[in-house]
Amino acid sequence: MSADRTHYLPSYNGGTVAVSCPPWCTLPHTVGAAEDANHQGPAVAFTGPGDCTGYFDGGEPYEVLYAAISADPQGGRPYVYFDTQGEATGARLDVAALDVVLGDLRTYVDRLQQMRDRLAQITEGEQ
């Protein structure tokens, strides 16, 4: 990567386009067309347990939540790209929308903890 963080990528229209990275971008931008060269910062992911039937991903654990700060290559405001199930059909979230998702995730974790505690009560004498 050049010191000025500018990459020269092929364009769909032919020729080469200069793509300058913002300071938070961690992608090397070494492949693909300039029009597809979204900027991205470090990602966070949650990998869930594998499918107990073995039908999905052969039963191996798989990424169910993925998020990263991103921005389009031709500028525009950064957003958080939030994807579920690794389908590459995620949402572009601003701060307010991300706050809603975080609230929903906190509620989910609280309910999952309650479920775990209930399971422990139900199975207490079985172990």
N, C-alpha and C. Protein backbone atom coordinates (compact mmCIF):
# COMPACT_ATOMS: atom_id res chain seq x y z
N MET A 1 0.85 -1.17 0.00
CA MET A 1 0.00 0.00 0.00
C MET A 1 0.90 1.23 0.00
N SER A 2 0.55 2.18 -0.81
CA SER A 2 1.38 3.38 -0.90
C SER A 2 1.22 4.22 0.36
N ALA A 3 2.22 5.07 0.63
CA ALA A 3 2.22 5.88 1.84
C ALA A 3 1.03 6.82 1.89
N ASP A 4 0.57 7.32 0.74
CA ASP A 4 -0.57 8.24 0.76
C ASP A 4 -1.91 7.52 0.76
N ARG A 5 -1.90 6.17 0.81
CA ARG A 5 -3.09 5.33 0.89
C ARG A 5 -4.00 5.50 -0.32
N THR A 6 -3.39 5.73 -1.48
CA THR A 6 -4.14 5.79 -2.73
C THR A 6 -3.85 4.53 -3.52
N HIS A 7 -4.92 3.92 -4.02
CA HIS A 7 -4.81 2.69 -4.80
C HIS A 7 -5.32 2.97 -6.20
N TYR A 8 -4.72 2.37 -7.19
CA TYR A 8 -5.14 2.55 -8.57
C TYR A 8 -5.76 1.25 -9.05
N LEU A 9 -7.07 1.31 -9.28
CA LEU A 9 -7.83 0.11 -9.61
C LEU A 9 -8.47 0.24 -10.98
N PRO A 10 -8.69 -0.90 -11.64
CA PRO A 10 -9.37 -0.84 -12.94
C PRO A 10 -10.81 -0.38 -12.77
N SER A 11 -11.32 0.27 -13.80
CA SER A 11 -12.70 0.75 -13.80
C SER A 11 -13.53 -0.08 -14.76
N TYR A 12 -14.81 -0.21 -14.49
CA TYR A 12 -15.71 -0.91 -15.41
C TYR A 12 -15.75 -0.22 -16.77
N ASN A 13 -15.49 1.08 -16.81
CA ASN A 13 -15.51 1.84 -18.06
C ASN A 13 -14.17 1.78 -18.79
N GLY A 14 -13.24 1.03 -18.27
CA GLY A 14 -11.89 0.98 -18.84
C GLY A 14 -11.00 1.99 -18.14
N GLY A 15 -9.73 1.79 -18.25
CA GLY A 15 -8.79 2.70 -17.60
C GLY A 15 -8.61 2.36 -16.13
N THR A 16 -8.03 3.30 -15.43
CA THR A 16 -7.70 3.13 -14.02
C THR A 16 -8.26 4.31 -13.23
N VAL A 17 -8.72 4.02 -12.02
CA VAL A 17 -9.28 5.05 -11.15
C VAL A 17 -8.48 5.05 -9.84
N ALA A 18 -8.16 6.25 -9.37
CA ALA A 18 -7.48 6.38 -8.08
C ALA A 18 -8.52 6.32 -6.96
N VAL A 19 -8.29 5.46 -5.99
CA VAL A 19 -9.17 5.34 -4.83
C VAL A 19 -8.33 5.69 -3.60
N SER A 20 -8.68 6.77 -2.93
CA SER A 20 -7.95 7.20 -1.73
C SER A 20 -8.70 6.71 -0.49
N CYS A 21 -7.96 6.09 0.41
CA CYS A 21 -8.56 5.52 1.61
C CYS A 21 -8.62 6.53 2.75
N PRO A 22 -9.73 6.52 3.50
CA PRO A 22 -9.76 7.30 4.75
C PRO A 22 -8.85 6.63 5.78
N PRO A 23 -8.45 7.34 6.81
CA PRO A 23 -7.50 6.79 7.78
C PRO A 23 -7.96 5.49 8.45
N TRP A 24 -9.26 5.28 8.60
CA TRP A 24 -9.76 4.10 9.31
C TRP A 24 -9.86 2.86 8.41
N CYS A 25 -9.66 2.99 7.12
CA CYS A 25 -9.78 1.86 6.19
C CYS A 25 -8.60 0.91 6.37
N THR A 26 -8.92 -0.37 6.50
CA THR A 26 -7.88 -1.38 6.68
C THR A 26 -7.78 -2.35 5.50
N LEU A 27 -8.58 -2.15 4.45
CA LEU A 27 -8.53 -3.04 3.29
C LEU A 27 -7.36 -2.69 2.39
N PRO A 28 -6.73 -3.70 1.81
CA PRO A 28 -5.61 -3.42 0.91
C PRO A 28 -6.04 -2.98 -0.49
N HIS A 29 -7.30 -3.21 -0.88
CA HIS A 29 -7.81 -2.82 -2.21
C HIS A 29 -6.89 -3.31 -3.33
N THR A 30 -6.60 -4.58 -3.33
CA THR A 30 -5.70 -5.12 -4.34
C THR A 30 -6.43 -5.82 -5.48
N VAL A 31 -7.71 -6.11 -5.31
CA VAL A 31 -8.47 -6.78 -6.36
C VAL A 31 -9.80 -6.08 -6.57
N GLY A 32 -10.41 -6.33 -7.72
CA GLY A 32 -11.73 -5.79 -7.99
C GLY A 32 -11.68 -4.45 -8.68
N ALA A 33 -12.87 -4.02 -9.08
CA ALA A 33 -13.01 -2.76 -9.78
C ALA A 33 -13.14 -1.60 -8.79
N ALA A 34 -12.73 -0.43 -9.22
CA ALA A 34 -12.77 0.76 -8.37
C ALA A 34 -14.19 1.02 -7.88
N GLU A 35 -15.19 0.76 -8.70
CA GLU A 35 -16.58 1.02 -8.33
C GLU A 35 -17.05 0.11 -7.20
N ASP A 36 -16.37 -1.01 -6.98
CA ASP A 36 -16.74 -1.95 -5.93
C ASP A 36 -15.82 -1.88 -4.71
N ALA A 37 -14.90 -0.94 -4.70
CA ALA A 37 -13.84 -0.90 -3.68
C ALA A 37 -14.31 -0.15 -2.43
N ASN A 38 -15.34 -0.66 -1.78
CA ASN A 38 -15.79 -0.03 -0.54
C ASN A 38 -14.67 -0.02 0.48
N HIS A 39 -14.62 1.03 1.25
CA HIS A 39 -13.67 1.12 2.35
C HIS A 39 -14.26 0.35 3.52
N GLN A 40 -13.38 -0.23 4.33
CA GLN A 40 -13.85 -0.98 5.48
C GLN A 40 -12.82 -0.94 6.58
N GLY A 41 -13.30 -0.75 7.81
CA GLY A 41 -12.46 -0.83 8.98
C GLY A 41 -12.48 -2.24 9.55
N PRO A 42 -11.83 -2.45 10.67
CA PRO A 42 -11.83 -3.78 11.29
C PRO A 42 -13.26 -4.24 11.55
N ALA A 43 -13.51 -5.52 11.35
CA ALA A 43 -14.84 -6.08 11.52
C ALA A 43 -14.97 -6.80 12.86
N VAL A 44 -16.21 -6.97 13.30
CA VAL A 44 -16.53 -7.82 14.44
C VAL A 44 -17.52 -8.86 13.95
N ALA A 45 -17.41 -10.07 14.48
CA ALA A 45 -18.30 -11.14 14.06
C ALA A 45 -18.64 -12.03 15.24
N PHE A 46 -19.82 -12.62 15.18
CA PHE A 46 -20.22 -13.63 16.15
C PHE A 46 -20.43 -14.93 15.39
N THR A 47 -19.71 -15.95 15.82
CA THR A 47 -19.85 -17.27 15.22
C THR A 47 -20.68 -18.13 16.15
N GLY A 48 -21.79 -18.60 15.64
CA GLY A 48 -22.68 -19.44 16.44
C GLY A 48 -22.28 -20.90 16.35
N PRO A 49 -22.93 -21.73 17.17
CA PRO A 49 -22.64 -23.16 17.10
C PRO A 49 -23.11 -23.74 15.77
N GLY A 50 -22.54 -24.83 15.37
CA GLY A 50 -22.90 -25.47 14.11
C GLY A 50 -24.30 -26.06 14.15
N ASP A 51 -24.79 -26.36 12.98
CA ASP A 51 -26.10 -26.97 12.81
C ASP A 51 -26.06 -28.41 13.33
N CYS A 52 -26.93 -28.74 14.28
CA CYS A 52 -26.90 -30.08 14.89
C CYS A 52 -27.31 -31.18 13.92
N THR A 53 -27.96 -30.83 12.82
CA THR A 53 -28.34 -31.85 11.84
C THR A 53 -27.20 -32.13 10.86
N GLY A 54 -26.25 -31.21 10.76
CA GLY A 54 -25.14 -31.36 9.84
C GLY A 54 -25.47 -30.94 8.42
N TYR A 55 -26.71 -30.49 8.17
CA TYR A 55 -27.10 -30.10 6.82
C TYR A 55 -26.51 -28.76 6.40
N PHE A 56 -26.33 -27.84 7.33
CA PHE A 56 -25.82 -26.52 7.00
C PHE A 56 -24.34 -26.47 7.33
N ASP A 57 -23.52 -26.19 6.37
CA ASP A 57 -22.06 -26.09 6.54
C ASP A 57 -21.47 -27.36 7.15
N GLY A 58 -22.10 -28.49 6.90
CA GLY A 58 -21.58 -29.75 7.42
C GLY A 58 -21.53 -29.83 8.94
N GLY A 59 -22.33 -29.00 9.59
CA GLY A 59 -22.35 -29.00 11.04
C GLY A 59 -21.27 -28.15 11.68
N GLU A 60 -20.44 -27.52 10.86
CA GLU A 60 -19.37 -26.65 11.39
C GLU A 60 -19.97 -25.33 11.87
N PRO A 61 -19.38 -24.72 12.89
CA PRO A 61 -19.84 -23.40 13.33
C PRO A 61 -19.75 -22.40 12.18
N TYR A 62 -20.66 -21.43 12.16
CA TYR A 62 -20.64 -20.43 11.09
C TYR A 62 -20.98 -19.06 11.63
N GLU A 63 -20.53 -18.07 10.91
CA GLU A 63 -20.71 -16.68 11.29
C GLU A 63 -22.18 -16.29 11.13
N VAL A 64 -22.81 -15.83 12.20
CA VAL A 64 -24.21 -15.44 12.11
C VAL A 64 -24.42 -13.93 12.20
N LEU A 65 -23.46 -13.22 12.72
CA LEU A 65 -23.52 -11.76 12.78
C LEU A 65 -22.17 -11.20 12.36
N TYR A 66 -22.21 -10.15 11.55
CA TYR A 66 -20.98 -9.51 11.06
C TYR A 66 -21.24 -8.02 10.96
N ALA A 67 -20.28 -7.22 11.38
CA ALA A 67 -20.41 -5.77 11.26
C ALA A 67 -19.05 -5.14 11.04
N ALA A 68 -19.04 -4.07 10.25
CA ALA A 68 -17.81 -3.31 10.01
C ALA A 68 -18.19 -1.91 9.56
N ILE A 69 -17.38 -0.93 9.95
CA ILE A 69 -17.56 0.42 9.42
C ILE A 69 -17.14 0.39 7.96
N SER A 70 -17.99 0.93 7.09
CA SER A 70 -17.74 0.92 5.65
C SER A 70 -18.09 2.27 5.05
N ALA A 71 -17.66 2.48 3.83
CA ALA A 71 -18.03 3.67 3.06
C ALA A 71 -17.86 3.34 1.59
N ASP A 72 -18.65 3.98 0.76
CA ASP A 72 -18.55 3.79 -0.68
C ASP A 72 -17.24 4.39 -1.18
N PRO A 73 -16.70 3.88 -2.28
CA PRO A 73 -15.40 4.34 -2.77
C PRO A 73 -15.40 5.79 -3.25
N GLN A 74 -16.51 6.29 -3.72
CA GLN A 74 -16.56 7.66 -4.23
C GLN A 74 -16.99 8.66 -3.16
N GLY A 75 -16.78 8.33 -1.92
CA GLY A 75 -17.13 9.26 -0.85
C GLY A 75 -18.46 8.89 -0.23
N GLY A 76 -19.04 9.83 0.45
CA GLY A 76 -20.26 9.55 1.18
C GLY A 76 -19.95 9.26 2.63
N ARG A 77 -20.99 9.33 3.42
CA ARG A 77 -20.83 9.13 4.86
C ARG A 77 -20.53 7.67 5.18
N PRO A 78 -19.64 7.43 6.12
CA PRO A 78 -19.43 6.06 6.60
C PRO A 78 -20.70 5.55 7.29
N TYR A 79 -20.84 4.25 7.31
CA TYR A 79 -21.97 3.58 7.95
C TYR A 79 -21.45 2.26 8.50
N VAL A 80 -22.26 1.60 9.30
CA VAL A 80 -21.92 0.25 9.73
C VAL A 80 -22.67 -0.71 8.83
N TYR A 81 -21.91 -1.57 8.15
CA TYR A 81 -22.52 -2.64 7.37
C TYR A 81 -22.78 -3.78 8.34
N PHE A 82 -24.04 -4.16 8.48
CA PHE A 82 -24.44 -5.19 9.44
C PHE A 82 -25.09 -6.33 8.68
N ASP A 83 -24.50 -7.52 8.77
CA ASP A 83 -24.97 -8.67 8.01
C ASP A 83 -25.33 -9.80 8.96
N THR A 84 -26.36 -10.53 8.59
CA THR A 84 -26.75 -11.72 9.35
C THR A 84 -26.65 -12.93 8.45
N GLN A 85 -26.24 -14.03 9.01
CA GLN A 85 -26.16 -15.31 8.32
C GLN A 85 -25.17 -15.33 7.16
N GLY A 86 -24.29 -14.33 7.04
CA GLY A 86 -23.28 -14.35 5.99
C GLY A 86 -23.85 -14.33 4.58
N GLU A 87 -25.02 -13.74 4.42
CA GLU A 87 -25.69 -13.73 3.12
C GLU A 87 -25.25 -12.59 2.21
N ALA A 88 -24.43 -11.68 2.72
CA ALA A 88 -23.98 -10.50 1.97
C ALA A 88 -25.15 -9.65 1.50
N THR A 89 -26.21 -9.64 2.29
CA THR A 89 -27.38 -8.81 2.00
C THR A 89 -27.71 -7.98 3.23
N GLY A 90 -26.69 -7.47 3.86
CA GLY A 90 -26.86 -6.76 5.12
C GLY A 90 -27.42 -5.37 4.95
N ALA A 91 -27.51 -4.69 6.08
CA ALA A 91 -28.07 -3.35 6.15
C ALA A 91 -26.95 -2.33 6.35
N ARG A 92 -27.22 -1.12 5.90
CA ARG A 92 -26.32 0.01 6.15
C ARG A 92 -26.93 0.82 7.28
N LEU A 93 -26.26 0.84 8.42
CA LEU A 93 -26.81 1.46 9.62
C LEU A 93 -26.05 2.72 9.99
N ASP A 94 -26.82 3.77 10.33
CA ASP A 94 -26.21 4.96 10.92
C ASP A 94 -26.19 4.77 12.43
N VAL A 95 -25.76 5.77 13.17
CA VAL A 95 -25.63 5.64 14.63
C VAL A 95 -26.97 5.32 15.27
N ALA A 96 -28.03 6.01 14.89
CA ALA A 96 -29.35 5.79 15.50
C ALA A 96 -29.85 4.37 15.22
N ALA A 97 -29.70 3.91 13.99
CA ALA A 97 -30.14 2.55 13.64
C ALA A 97 -29.30 1.50 14.37
N LEU A 98 -28.01 1.77 14.53
CA LEU A 98 -27.15 0.83 15.25
C LEU A 98 -27.53 0.79 16.73
N ASP A 99 -27.95 1.92 17.29
CA ASP A 99 -28.43 1.93 18.68
C ASP A 99 -29.65 1.02 18.85
N VAL A 100 -30.54 1.01 17.88
CA VAL A 100 -31.71 0.13 17.93
C VAL A 100 -31.27 -1.34 17.91
N VAL A 101 -30.34 -1.68 17.00
CA VAL A 101 -29.84 -3.05 16.92
C VAL A 101 -29.17 -3.45 18.24
N LEU A 102 -28.37 -2.57 18.80
CA LEU A 102 -27.71 -2.87 20.07
C LEU A 102 -28.73 -3.12 21.18
N GLY A 103 -29.78 -2.32 21.23
CA GLY A 103 -30.84 -2.54 22.22
C GLY A 103 -31.50 -3.89 22.04
N ASP A 104 -31.79 -4.26 20.79
CA ASP A 104 -32.39 -5.56 20.51
C ASP A 104 -31.45 -6.70 20.90
N LEU A 105 -30.16 -6.55 20.64
CA LEU A 105 -29.19 -7.58 21.01
C LEU A 105 -29.09 -7.72 22.53
N ARG A 106 -29.14 -6.60 23.25
CA ARG A 106 -29.11 -6.66 24.72
C ARG A 106 -30.33 -7.41 25.24
N THR A 107 -31.50 -7.12 24.68
CA THR A 107 -32.72 -7.83 25.07
C THR A 107 -32.58 -9.32 24.79
N TYR A 108 -32.04 -9.66 23.63
CA TYR A 108 -31.83 -11.06 23.28
C TYR A 108 -30.90 -11.75 24.28
N VAL A 109 -29.79 -11.11 24.60
CA VAL A 109 -28.83 -11.70 25.55
C VAL A 109 -29.49 -11.88 26.92
N ASP A 110 -30.26 -10.90 27.37
CA ASP A 110 -30.96 -11.02 28.66
C ASP A 110 -31.92 -12.21 28.64
N ARG A 111 -32.68 -12.36 27.56
CA ARG A 111 -33.63 -13.47 27.46
C ARG A 111 -32.91 -14.82 27.32
N LEU A 112 -31.80 -14.82 26.62
CA LEU A 112 -31.02 -16.05 26.51
C LEU A 112 -30.47 -16.47 27.87
N GLN A 113 -30.04 -15.49 28.66
CA GLN A 113 -29.57 -15.78 30.02
C GLN A 113 -30.70 -16.36 30.87
N GLN A 114 -31.90 -15.79 30.76
CA GLN A 114 -33.06 -16.31 31.49
C GLN A 114 -33.36 -17.75 31.06
N MET A 115 -33.25 -18.02 29.77
CA MET A 115 -33.48 -19.36 29.26
C MET A 115 -32.44 -20.33 29.80
N ARG A 116 -31.20 -19.89 29.83
CA ARG A 116 -30.12 -20.73 30.38
C ARG A 116 -30.39 -21.04 31.84
N ASP A 117 -30.79 -20.03 32.61
CA ASP A 117 -31.06 -20.23 34.03
C ASP A 117 -32.23 -21.18 34.23
N ARG A 118 -33.25 -21.08 33.40
CA ARG A 118 -34.41 -21.98 33.48
C ARG A 118 -33.99 -23.40 33.13
N LEU A 119 -33.18 -23.56 32.09
CA LEU A 119 -32.68 -24.89 31.72
C LEU A 119 -31.89 -25.50 32.88
N ALA A 120 -31.07 -24.69 33.54
CA ALA A 120 -30.29 -25.18 34.68
C ALA A 120 -31.23 -25.66 35.79
N GLN A 121 -32.32 -24.96 36.04
CA GLN A 121 -33.30 -25.38 37.06
C GLN A 121 -33.96 -26.71 36.65
N ILE A 122 -34.34 -26.82 35.39
CA ILE A 122 -35.03 -28.00 34.89
C ILE A 122 -34.13 -29.23 34.96
N THR A 123 -32.87 -29.06 34.62
CA THR A 123 -31.95 -30.20 34.51
C THR A 123 -31.05 -30.37 35.73
N GLU A 124 -31.31 -29.66 36.79
CA GLU A 124 -30.42 -29.61 37.96
C GLU A 124 -30.02 -31.00 38.48
N GLY A 125 -30.93 -31.91 38.60
CA GLY A 125 -30.61 -33.22 39.18
C GLY A 125 -30.14 -34.23 38.17
N GLU A 126 -30.08 -33.88 36.90
CA GLU A 126 -29.74 -34.84 35.85
C GLU A 126 -28.25 -34.96 35.58
N GLN A 127 -27.45 -34.06 36.11
CA GLN A 127 -26.03 -34.07 35.73
C GLN A 127 -25.20 -34.72 36.74
